[in-house]
Protein backbone atom coordinates (compact mmCIF):
# COMPACT_ATOMS: atom_id res chain seq x y z
CA MET A 1 4.50 1.09 -10.94
CA ASN A 2 3.17 1.76 -7.43
CA ASN A 3 6.62 2.66 -6.11
CA ALA A 4 7.33 4.94 -9.08
CA LEU A 5 4.00 6.68 -8.47
CA LEU A 6 4.87 7.17 -4.79
CA ALA A 7 8.37 8.45 -5.63
CA SER A 8 6.93 10.90 -8.15
CA ALA A 9 4.34 12.05 -5.59
CA ALA A 10 7.20 12.66 -3.14
CA ALA A 11 8.85 14.91 -5.75
CA GLY A 12 5.50 16.67 -6.17
CA TYR A 13 5.13 17.27 -2.44
CA VAL A 14 8.66 18.71 -2.22
CA ALA A 15 7.96 21.08 -5.11
CA ALA A 16 4.52 22.12 -3.84
CA LEU A 17 5.63 22.71 -0.26
CA SER A 18 8.67 24.67 -1.46
CA ALA A 19 6.47 26.77 -3.80
CA ALA A 20 4.13 27.52 -0.89
CA GLY A 21 7.09 28.74 1.16
CA GLU A 22 6.68 25.94 3.67
CA ARG A 23 9.40 23.79 5.14
CA PHE A 24 8.85 20.19 4.23
CA PRO A 25 9.32 17.40 6.75
CA ALA A 26 11.89 14.65 6.29
CA GLU A 27 9.00 12.23 5.81
CA LEU A 28 5.36 12.75 4.87
CA PRO A 29 2.75 10.06 5.61
CA VAL A 30 0.23 9.20 2.90
CA SER A 31 -2.62 6.70 2.84
CA ILE A 32 -2.60 3.97 0.20
CA PRO A 33 -5.39 1.40 -0.33
CA VAL A 34 -4.26 -2.23 -0.29
CA ALA A 35 -6.19 -5.14 -1.79
CA LEU A 36 -6.94 -7.80 0.83
CA ARG A 37 -7.77 -11.46 0.45
CA ARG A 38 -11.44 -11.99 -0.26
CA HIS A 39 -13.57 -13.20 2.62
CA GLY A 40 -17.27 -13.89 2.54
CA THR A 41 -19.43 -12.33 -0.14
CA SER A 42 -17.58 -9.06 -0.63
CA ASN A 43 -15.67 -8.80 -3.90
CA ASN A 44 -13.77 -5.68 -2.93
CA GLN A 45 -11.77 -6.17 0.26
CA VAL A 46 -9.58 -3.12 0.84
CA GLY A 47 -7.32 -2.20 3.71
CA VAL A 48 -5.18 0.87 4.30
CA MET A 49 -1.43 1.19 4.33
CA LEU A 50 0.40 4.25 5.61
CA VAL A 51 3.60 5.01 3.73
CA ARG A 52 6.07 7.62 4.90
CA LEU A 53 7.37 9.30 1.76
CA PRO A 54 11.00 10.37 2.23
CA LEU A 55 11.08 14.02 1.19
CA ALA A 56 14.50 15.00 2.53
CA LEU A 57 16.48 12.59 0.35
CA PRO A 58 18.06 14.66 -2.44
CA ASP A 59 18.73 11.67 -4.73
CA PRO A 60 15.51 10.51 -6.43
CA ASP A 61 16.87 7.01 -7.13
CA THR A 62 17.68 6.52 -3.44
CA ARG A 63 14.18 7.78 -2.61
CA LEU A 64 12.64 5.21 -4.99
CA ARG A 65 14.68 2.36 -3.49
CA LEU A 66 13.71 3.35 0.05
CA ILE A 67 10.04 3.56 -0.89
CA ALA A 68 10.22 0.09 -2.48
CA GLU A 69 11.76 -1.35 0.70
CA ARG A 70 9.14 0.28 2.90
CA THR A 71 6.13 -0.70 0.82
CA ARG A 72 7.24 -4.33 0.63
CA ALA A 73 7.14 -4.60 4.43
CA ASP A 74 4.19 -2.24 4.96
CA LYS A 75 1.97 -4.02 2.41
CA ARG A 76 2.50 -7.35 4.12
CA ARG A 77 1.58 -5.85 7.51
CA ALA A 78 -1.48 -4.06 6.07
CA ARG A 79 -2.74 -7.30 4.51
CA GLU A 80 -2.25 -9.20 7.76
CA GLN A 81 -4.04 -6.48 9.72
CA GLY A 82 -6.94 -6.27 7.28
CA THR A 83 -9.72 -3.86 8.04
CA LEU A 84 -12.19 -3.54 10.86
CA GLU A 85 -15.65 -4.83 9.97
CA PHE A 86 -17.09 -1.95 12.02
CA MET A 87 -15.68 0.54 9.49
CA ARG A 88 -17.63 -0.95 6.59
CA GLY A 89 -21.09 0.05 7.73
CA PRO A 90 -22.86 3.40 8.07
CA ARG A 91 -21.97 3.78 11.76
CA GLY A 92 -18.30 3.22 11.03
CA ALA A 93 -18.42 5.70 8.17
CA ARG A 94 -20.01 8.38 10.38
CA PHE A 95 -17.48 7.73 13.14
CA MET A 96 -14.55 7.92 10.73
CA ASP A 97 -15.93 11.10 9.16
CA ARG A 98 -15.95 12.83 12.56
CA VAL A 99 -12.47 11.61 13.49
CA ALA A 100 -10.99 12.37 10.07
CA ARG A 101 -11.89 16.05 10.20
CA ARG A 102 -9.29 16.52 12.95
CA GLN A 103 -6.75 13.86 12.00
CA HIS A 104 -3.04 14.56 11.72
CA VAL A 105 -1.99 11.09 10.57
CA VAL A 106 -1.95 11.43 6.76
CA ALA A 107 -1.18 14.33 4.46
CA GLY A 108 -2.53 12.79 1.27
CA PHE A 109 -4.24 9.90 -0.45
CA ILE A 110 -2.56 8.05 -3.32
CA THR A 111 -4.02 5.16 -5.30
CA ASN A 112 -3.08 3.22 -8.41
CA VAL A 113 -5.47 0.89 -10.25
CA PRO A 114 -4.23 -1.42 -12.99
CA GLY A 115 -6.64 -1.31 -15.89
CA SER A 116 -7.01 -3.36 -19.01
CA PRO A 117 -3.91 -3.60 -21.21
CA ASP A 118 -6.27 -3.70 -24.21
CA LEU A 119 -8.72 -1.15 -25.58
CA LEU A 120 -12.27 -1.77 -24.44
CA CYS A 121 -15.70 -0.85 -25.76
CA LEU A 122 -18.59 0.51 -23.74
CA ALA A 123 -22.06 0.32 -25.30
CA GLY A 124 -20.39 -0.18 -28.68
CA ALA A 125 -18.11 2.87 -28.39
CA LEU A 126 -14.35 2.58 -28.11
CA VAL A 127 -13.02 3.76 -24.74
CA VAL A 128 -9.98 5.83 -25.71
CA ALA A 129 -8.92 6.98 -22.22
CA ILE A 130 -9.78 6.56 -18.58
CA TRP A 131 -9.15 9.36 -16.10
CA PRO A 132 -8.99 8.51 -12.40
CA VAL A 133 -10.34 10.76 -9.67
CA GLY A 134 -8.17 11.41 -6.63
CA VAL A 135 -9.95 11.52 -3.30
CA LEU A 136 -10.25 14.56 -1.08
CA ALA A 137 -11.79 13.83 2.27
CA ALA A 138 -11.85 15.25 5.75
CA ASN A 139 -8.88 17.60 6.23
CA VAL A 140 -6.67 16.06 3.52
CA ARG A 141 -6.10 18.63 0.76
CA LEU A 142 -4.36 16.56 -1.94
CA GLY A 143 -5.39 13.30 -3.56
CA THR A 144 -3.60 11.49 -6.38
CA ALA A 145 -5.02 8.63 -8.43
CA ALA A 146 -3.50 6.72 -11.33
CA VAL A 147 -4.90 4.13 -13.71
CA SER A 148 -3.13 2.21 -16.44
CA TYR A 149 -5.17 1.53 -19.57
CA ALA A 150 -4.14 0.30 -23.00
CA GLY A 151 -0.45 0.90 -22.38
CA ARG A 152 -0.83 4.40 -20.94
CA LEU A 153 -0.77 5.73 -17.40
CA GLN A 154 -3.23 8.52 -16.58
CA CYS A 155 -3.00 10.47 -13.33
CA GLY A 156 -5.64 12.59 -11.69
CA ILE A 157 -4.60 15.09 -9.04
CA HIS A 158 -7.25 16.80 -6.97
CA PHE A 159 -6.35 19.52 -4.54
CA ASP A 160 -7.71 22.39 -2.50
CA GLU A 161 -6.52 25.33 -4.58
CA THR A 162 -6.76 27.72 -1.62
CA THR A 163 -4.04 25.85 0.29
CA VAL A 164 -2.11 23.66 -2.20
CA PRO A 165 -0.15 24.75 -5.30
CA GLY A 166 -1.49 21.78 -7.23
CA ALA A 167 -0.12 22.78 -10.63
CA VAL A 168 3.40 22.80 -9.18
CA PHE A 169 2.77 19.37 -7.66
CA ALA A 170 1.49 18.03 -10.99
CA ILE A 171 4.45 19.31 -13.02
CA ALA A 172 7.02 17.91 -10.58
CA MET A 173 5.19 14.59 -10.46
CA ARG A 174 4.99 14.38 -14.24
CA ASP A 175 8.67 15.23 -14.63
CA GLU A 176 9.69 12.58 -12.09
CA LEU A 177 7.49 9.91 -13.71
CA THR A 178 9.01 10.76 -17.08
CA ARG A 179 12.52 10.49 -15.64
CA LEU A 180 11.74 7.16 -13.97
CA ALA A 181 10.24 5.76 -17.18
CA GLY A 182 13.53 6.47 -18.95
CA HIS A 183 15.67 4.06 -16.94
CA ARG A 184 15.58 1.20 -14.47
CA VAL A 185 16.71 1.83 -10.91
C-alpha cells in the first residue's frame, strides 16, 4: 500500500504542477516517516526516509516499480540510521523549526498508517470512519496522509491553497489509486 500511495502522490504532483503552469522536475523528494526498532521506554520510535518520486516517467506501472525498488533500499538505510536523540527534545525541535523554514530538501510529507481491519467502538459509539491529517510544516506546502480502517483507505490532503492547486492533486491521486486497485503490477 505504501508504494501505491507514493505512486499516486507522484501522479498528483505531476497534475498539480502542470495545472499551476510549472515545469516539474524528473524527481521530487518527499519525506516519509519510518517505524524504527523500539529502544528504551519510548513506544513510538520514528525515523525519516527521503524518497525521490519519479515524475518524468510517463508509464505509471514503471513508476510504481521504481518506487518499490527505491523504498526497499531506502527504508533499510533509514532504519539503520535511526534518528538523532537531540531532535526529540525541545531544543532539537526549535533548531529544526528554524532550519526547516529555509529548507530545500523535501517538497512534501507523505504518511500511511495501517489501522484496524475491524470496526471499533469509542465510548460505546461505533467508529464508522477515520480521516487522517496531512502535515504542513515549515516551507512545505503539501502534506498527504492515509489510514486504512475496516477495509477502506481514507486519504487526507492538506495544502496551501495560495500556492498549490490541491483539488487537482487530489483528483489525480484518487484516479491513480483507483487504477492501481484494479490490477496487480
